PDB file of all heavy atoms in Angstrom:
ATOM      1  N   SER A   1       0.855  -1.175   0.001  1.00  0.00           N
ATOM      2  CA  SER A   1       0.004   0.006   0.001  1.00  0.00           C
ATOM      3  C   SER A   1       0.895   1.235  -0.002  1.00  0.00           C
ATOM      4  O   SER A   1       2.021   1.184   0.519  1.00  0.00           O
ATOM      5  CB  SER A   1      -0.878  -0.007   1.256  1.00  0.00           C
ATOM      6  OG  SER A   1      -1.505   1.253   1.434  1.00  0.00           O
ATOM      7  N   ASP A   2       0.382   2.332  -0.527  1.00  0.00           N
ATOM      8  CA  ASP A   2       1.184   3.551  -0.477  1.00  0.00           C
ATOM      9  C   ASP A   2       1.321   4.094   0.939  1.00  0.00           C
ATOM     10  O   ASP A   2       2.178   4.917   1.226  1.00  0.00           O
ATOM     11  CB  ASP A   2       0.668   4.619  -1.441  1.00  0.00           C
ATOM     12  CG  ASP A   2      -0.709   5.143  -1.085  1.00  0.00           C
ATOM     13  OD1 ASP A   2      -1.407   4.546  -0.250  1.00  0.00           O
ATOM     14  OD2 ASP A   2      -1.095   6.174  -1.671  1.00  0.00           O
ATOM     15  N   SER A   3       0.508   3.593   1.870  1.00  0.00           N
ATOM     16  CA  SER A   3       0.682   3.986   3.279  1.00  0.00           C
ATOM     17  C   SER A   3       1.964   3.403   3.860  1.00  0.00           C
ATOM     18  O   SER A   3       2.414   3.841   4.928  1.00  0.00           O
ATOM     19  CB  SER A   3      -0.533   3.548   4.109  1.00  0.00           C
ATOM     20  OG  SER A   3      -0.631   2.141   4.152  1.00  0.00           O
ATOM     21  N   ASP A   4       2.574   2.448   3.161  1.00  0.00           N
ATOM     22  CA  ASP A   4       3.843   1.848   3.592  1.00  0.00           C
ATOM     23  C   ASP A   4       5.041   2.686   3.184  1.00  0.00           C
ATOM     24  O   ASP A   4       6.176   2.400   3.582  1.00  0.00           O
ATOM     25  CB  ASP A   4       4.003   0.440   2.997  1.00  0.00           C
ATOM     26  CG  ASP A   4       2.861  -0.486   3.383  1.00  0.00           C
ATOM     27  OD1 ASP A   4       2.273  -0.295   4.468  1.00  0.00           O
ATOM     28  OD2 ASP A   4       2.550  -1.389   2.590  1.00  0.00           O
ATOM     29  N   LEU A   5       4.808   3.721   2.405  1.00  0.00           N
ATOM     30  CA  LEU A   5       5.902   4.520   1.846  1.00  0.00           C
ATOM     31  C   LEU A   5       6.834   5.128   2.884  1.00  0.00           C
ATOM     32  O   LEU A   5       8.064   5.097   2.689  1.00  0.00           O
ATOM     33  CB  LEU A   5       5.350   5.596   0.910  1.00  0.00           C
ATOM     34  CG  LEU A   5       6.354   6.427   0.150  1.00  0.00           C
ATOM     35  CD1 LEU A   5       7.284   5.555  -0.684  1.00  0.00           C
ATOM     36  CD2 LEU A   5       5.644   7.446  -0.735  1.00  0.00           C
ATOM     37  N   PRO A   6       6.360   5.687   3.994  1.00  0.00           N
ATOM     38  CA  PRO A   6       7.309   6.270   4.946  1.00  0.00           C
ATOM     39  C   PRO A   6       8.378   5.284   5.440  1.00  0.00           C
ATOM     40  O   PRO A   6       9.526   5.669   5.637  1.00  0.00           O
ATOM     41  CB  PRO A   6       6.414   6.750   6.102  1.00  0.00           C
ATOM     42  CG  PRO A   6       5.095   7.023   5.449  1.00  0.00           C
ATOM     43  CD  PRO A   6       4.964   5.950   4.387  1.00  0.00           C
ATOM     44  N   VAL A   7       8.009   4.037   5.626  1.00  0.00           N
ATOM     45  CA  VAL A   7       8.986   3.034   6.047  1.00  0.00           C
ATOM     46  C   VAL A   7       9.826   2.572   4.858  1.00  0.00           C
ATOM     47  O   VAL A   7      11.059   2.524   4.927  1.00  0.00           O
ATOM     48  CB  VAL A   7       8.304   1.821   6.716  1.00  0.00           C
ATOM     49  CG1 VAL A   7       9.301   0.709   6.989  1.00  0.00           C
ATOM     50  CG2 VAL A   7       7.620   2.251   8.013  1.00  0.00           C
ATOM     51  N   MET A   8       9.178   2.255   3.762  1.00  0.00           N
ATOM     52  CA  MET A   8       9.898   1.704   2.609  1.00  0.00           C
ATOM     53  C   MET A   8      10.815   2.722   1.940  1.00  0.00           C
ATOM     54  O   MET A   8      11.782   2.356   1.271  1.00  0.00           O
ATOM     55  CB  MET A   8       8.904   1.111   1.619  1.00  0.00           C
ATOM     56  CG  MET A   8       8.099  -0.052   2.202  1.00  0.00           C
ATOM     57  SD  MET A   8       9.109  -1.371   2.924  1.00  0.00           S
ATOM     58  CE  MET A   8       9.798  -2.065   1.427  1.00  0.00           C
ATOM     59  N   ALA A   9      10.542   4.010   2.112  1.00  0.00           N
ATOM     60  CA  ALA A   9      11.419   5.052   1.567  1.00  0.00           C
ATOM     61  C   ALA A   9      12.812   4.968   2.196  1.00  0.00           C
ATOM     62  O   ALA A   9      13.801   5.385   1.574  1.00  0.00           O
ATOM     63  CB  ALA A   9      10.812   6.441   1.814  1.00  0.00           C
ATOM     64  N   LYS A  10      12.904   4.403   3.382  1.00  0.00           N
ATOM     65  CA  LYS A  10      14.219   4.236   4.022  1.00  0.00           C
ATOM     66  C   LYS A  10      15.073   3.256   3.240  1.00  0.00           C
ATOM     67  O   LYS A  10      16.289   3.410   3.164  1.00  0.00           O
ATOM     68  CB  LYS A  10      14.036   3.778   5.464  1.00  0.00           C
ATOM     69  CG  LYS A  10      13.353   4.831   6.326  1.00  0.00           C
ATOM     70  CD  LYS A  10      13.032   4.310   7.704  1.00  0.00           C
ATOM     71  CE  LYS A  10      12.239   5.344   8.482  1.00  0.00           C
ATOM     72  NZ  LYS A  10      11.846   4.840   9.802  1.00  0.00           N
ATOM     73  N   ALA A  11      14.463   2.240   2.649  1.00  0.00           N
ATOM     74  CA  ALA A  11      15.205   1.304   1.796  1.00  0.00           C
ATOM     75  C   ALA A  11      15.684   2.006   0.549  1.00  0.00           C
ATOM     76  O   ALA A  11      16.835   1.843   0.118  1.00  0.00           O
ATOM     77  CB  ALA A  11      14.326   0.108   1.429  1.00  0.00           C
ATOM     78  N   VAL A  12      14.825   2.795  -0.052  1.00  0.00           N
ATOM     79  CA  VAL A  12      15.170   3.526  -1.262  1.00  0.00           C
ATOM     80  C   VAL A  12      16.362   4.444  -1.009  1.00  0.00           C
ATOM     81  O   VAL A  12      17.281   4.540  -1.832  1.00  0.00           O
ATOM     82  CB  VAL A  12      13.953   4.324  -1.790  1.00  0.00           C
ATOM     83  CG1 VAL A  12      14.359   5.306  -2.858  1.00  0.00           C
ATOM     84  CG2 VAL A  12      12.889   3.363  -2.301  1.00  0.00           C
ATOM     85  N   LYS A  13      16.368   5.108   0.139  1.00  0.00           N
ATOM     86  CA  LYS A  13      17.485   6.030   0.459  1.00  0.00           C
ATOM     87  C   LYS A  13      18.810   5.273   0.509  1.00  0.00           C
ATOM     88  O   LYS A  13      19.827   5.742  -0.012  1.00  0.00           O
ATOM     89  CB  LYS A  13      17.218   6.729   1.791  1.00  0.00           C
ATOM     90  CG  LYS A  13      18.266   7.741   2.140  1.00  0.00           C
ATOM     91  CD  LYS A  13      17.943   8.492   3.415  1.00  0.00           C
ATOM     92  CE  LYS A  13      19.054   9.480   3.696  1.00  0.00           C
ATOM     93  NZ  LYS A  13      18.920  10.113   4.998  1.00  0.00           N
ATOM     94  N   VAL A  14      18.830   4.103   1.125  1.00  0.00           N
ATOM     95  CA  VAL A  14      20.050   3.292   1.182  1.00  0.00           C
ATOM     96  C   VAL A  14      20.484   2.873  -0.216  1.00  0.00           C
ATOM     97  O   VAL A  14      21.661   2.971  -0.572  1.00  0.00           O
ATOM     98  CB  VAL A  14      19.873   2.057   2.080  1.00  0.00           C
ATOM     99  CG1 VAL A  14      21.048   1.098   1.961  1.00  0.00           C
ATOM    100  CG2 VAL A  14      19.679   2.476   3.541  1.00  0.00           C
ATOM    101  N   LEU A  15      19.545   2.426  -1.036  1.00  0.00           N
ATOM    102  CA  LEU A  15      19.869   2.028  -2.401  1.00  0.00           C
ATOM    103  C   LEU A  15      20.469   3.209  -3.169  1.00  0.00           C
ATOM    104  O   LEU A  15      21.461   3.055  -3.894  1.00  0.00           O
ATOM    105  CB  LEU A  15      18.632   1.489  -3.120  1.00  0.00           C
ATOM    106  CG  LEU A  15      18.021   0.226  -2.535  1.00  0.00           C
ATOM    107  CD1 LEU A  15      16.691  -0.099  -3.215  1.00  0.00           C
ATOM    108  CD2 LEU A  15      18.978  -0.961  -2.623  1.00  0.00           C
ATOM    109  N   GLU A  16      19.895   4.385  -3.001  1.00  0.00           N
ATOM    110  CA  GLU A  16      20.432   5.576  -3.670  1.00  0.00           C
ATOM    111  C   GLU A  16      21.835   5.909  -3.179  1.00  0.00           C
ATOM    112  O   GLU A  16      22.700   6.280  -3.970  1.00  0.00           O
ATOM    113  CB  GLU A  16      19.488   6.763  -3.457  1.00  0.00           C
ATOM    114  CG  GLU A  16      18.191   6.634  -4.234  1.00  0.00           C
ATOM    115  CD  GLU A  16      17.188   7.745  -3.973  1.00  0.00           C
ATOM    116  OE1 GLU A  16      17.346   8.491  -2.969  1.00  0.00           O
ATOM    117  OE2 GLU A  16      16.229   7.862  -4.753  1.00  0.00           O
ATOM    118  N   GLU A  17      22.072   5.772  -1.878  1.00  0.00           N
ATOM    119  CA  GLU A  17      23.409   6.049  -1.328  1.00  0.00           C
ATOM    120  C   GLU A  17      24.465   5.142  -1.933  1.00  0.00           C
ATOM    121  O   GLU A  17      25.602   5.542  -2.130  1.00  0.00           O
ATOM    122  CB  GLU A  17      23.382   5.916   0.197  1.00  0.00           C
ATOM    123  CG  GLU A  17      22.645   7.043   0.892  1.00  0.00           C
ATOM    124  CD  GLU A  17      22.425   6.797   2.370  1.00  0.00           C
ATOM    125  OE1 GLU A  17      22.863   5.733   2.906  1.00  0.00           O
ATOM    126  OE2 GLU A  17      21.814   7.659   3.034  1.00  0.00           O
ATOM    127  N   TYR A  18      24.090   3.912  -2.226  1.00  0.00           N
ATOM    128  CA  TYR A  18      25.018   2.954  -2.827  1.00  0.00           C
ATOM    129  C   TYR A  18      25.021   3.020  -4.363  1.00  0.00           C
ATOM    130  O   TYR A  18      25.773   2.285  -5.006  1.00  0.00           O
ATOM    131  CB  TYR A  18      24.706   1.530  -2.381  1.00  0.00           C
ATOM    132  CG  TYR A  18      25.216   1.189  -1.003  1.00  0.00           C
ATOM    133  CD1 TYR A  18      24.379   0.592  -0.074  1.00  0.00           C
ATOM    134  CD2 TYR A  18      26.533   1.436  -0.629  1.00  0.00           C
ATOM    135  CE1 TYR A  18      24.842   0.264   1.205  1.00  0.00           C
ATOM    136  CE2 TYR A  18      26.993   1.118   0.627  1.00  0.00           C
ATOM    137  CZ  TYR A  18      26.148   0.535   1.536  1.00  0.00           C
ATOM    138  OH  TYR A  18      26.610   0.210   2.789  1.00  0.00           O
ATOM    139  N   GLY A  19      24.164   3.840  -4.936  1.00  0.00           N
ATOM    140  CA  GLY A  19      24.102   3.938  -6.390  1.00  0.00           C
ATOM    141  C   GLY A  19      23.476   2.726  -7.047  1.00  0.00           C
ATOM    142  O   GLY A  19      23.793   2.408  -8.192  1.00  0.00           O
ATOM    143  N   ILE A  20      22.602   2.048  -6.338  1.00  0.00           N
ATOM    144  CA  ILE A  20      21.944   0.856  -6.863  1.00  0.00           C
ATOM    145  C   ILE A  20      20.653   1.266  -7.569  1.00  0.00           C
ATOM    146  O   ILE A  20      19.799   1.922  -6.975  1.00  0.00           O
ATOM    147  CB  ILE A  20      21.636  -0.145  -5.730  1.00  0.00           C
ATOM    148  CG1 ILE A  20      22.940  -0.621  -5.080  1.00  0.00           C
ATOM    149  CG2 ILE A  20      20.810  -1.325  -6.249  1.00  0.00           C
ATOM    150  CD1 ILE A  20      22.744  -1.431  -3.810  1.00  0.00           C
ATOM    151  N   PRO A  21      20.496   0.891  -8.833  1.00  0.00           N
ATOM    152  CA  PRO A  21      19.258   1.219  -9.531  1.00  0.00           C
ATOM    153  C   PRO A  21      18.090   0.441  -8.927  1.00  0.00           C
ATOM    154  O   PRO A  21      18.242  -0.692  -8.491  1.00  0.00           O
ATOM    155  CB  PRO A  21      19.531   0.798 -10.975  1.00  0.00           C
ATOM    156  CG  PRO A  21      20.628  -0.202 -10.907  1.00  0.00           C
ATOM    157  CD  PRO A  21      21.437   0.117  -9.679  1.00  0.00           C
ATOM    158  N   TYR A  22      16.929   1.082  -8.927  1.00  0.00           N
ATOM    159  CA  TYR A  22      15.757   0.459  -8.323  1.00  0.00           C
ATOM    160  C   TYR A  22      14.492   0.941  -9.009  1.00  0.00           C
ATOM    161  O   TYR A  22      14.498   1.959  -9.716  1.00  0.00           O
ATOM    162  CB  TYR A  22      15.676   0.771  -6.824  1.00  0.00           C
ATOM    163  CG  TYR A  22      15.418   2.234  -6.548  1.00  0.00           C
ATOM    164  CD1 TYR A  22      14.115   2.705  -6.434  1.00  0.00           C
ATOM    165  CD2 TYR A  22      16.460   3.139  -6.445  1.00  0.00           C
ATOM    166  CE1 TYR A  22      13.869   4.047  -6.226  1.00  0.00           C
ATOM    167  CE2 TYR A  22      16.227   4.476  -6.234  1.00  0.00           C
ATOM    168  CZ  TYR A  22      14.924   4.929  -6.125  1.00  0.00           C
ATOM    169  OH  TYR A  22      14.672   6.276  -5.923  1.00  0.00           O
ATOM    170  N   GLU A  23      13.444   0.216  -8.778  1.00  0.00           N
ATOM    171  CA  GLU A  23      12.087   0.638  -9.107  1.00  0.00           C
ATOM    172  C   GLU A  23      11.235   0.386  -7.878  1.00  0.00           C
ATOM    173  O   GLU A  23      11.456  -0.592  -7.165  1.00  0.00           O
ATOM    174  CB  GLU A  23      11.503  -0.168 -10.272  1.00  0.00           C
ATOM    175  CG  GLU A  23      12.085   0.159 -11.613  1.00  0.00           C
ATOM    176  CD  GLU A  23      11.427  -0.640 -12.735  1.00  0.00           C
ATOM    177  OE1 GLU A  23      10.295  -1.161 -12.552  1.00  0.00           O
ATOM    178  OE2 GLU A  23      12.063  -0.754 -13.787  1.00  0.00           O
ATOM    179  N   ALA A  24      10.265   1.239  -7.650  1.00  0.00           N
ATOM    180  CA  ALA A  24       9.331   1.067  -6.553  1.00  0.00           C
ATOM    181  C   ALA A  24       7.920   0.952  -7.121  1.00  0.00           C
ATOM    182  O   ALA A  24       7.562   1.668  -8.060  1.00  0.00           O
ATOM    183  CB  ALA A  24       9.419   2.220  -5.573  1.00  0.00           C
TER     184      ALA A  24
END
């Protein structure tokens, strides 16, 4: 659910810090 975004955005931030491509 998009209500999960505040928690799951923390994963995205780590992936971005490592330069790992992702899709959400």
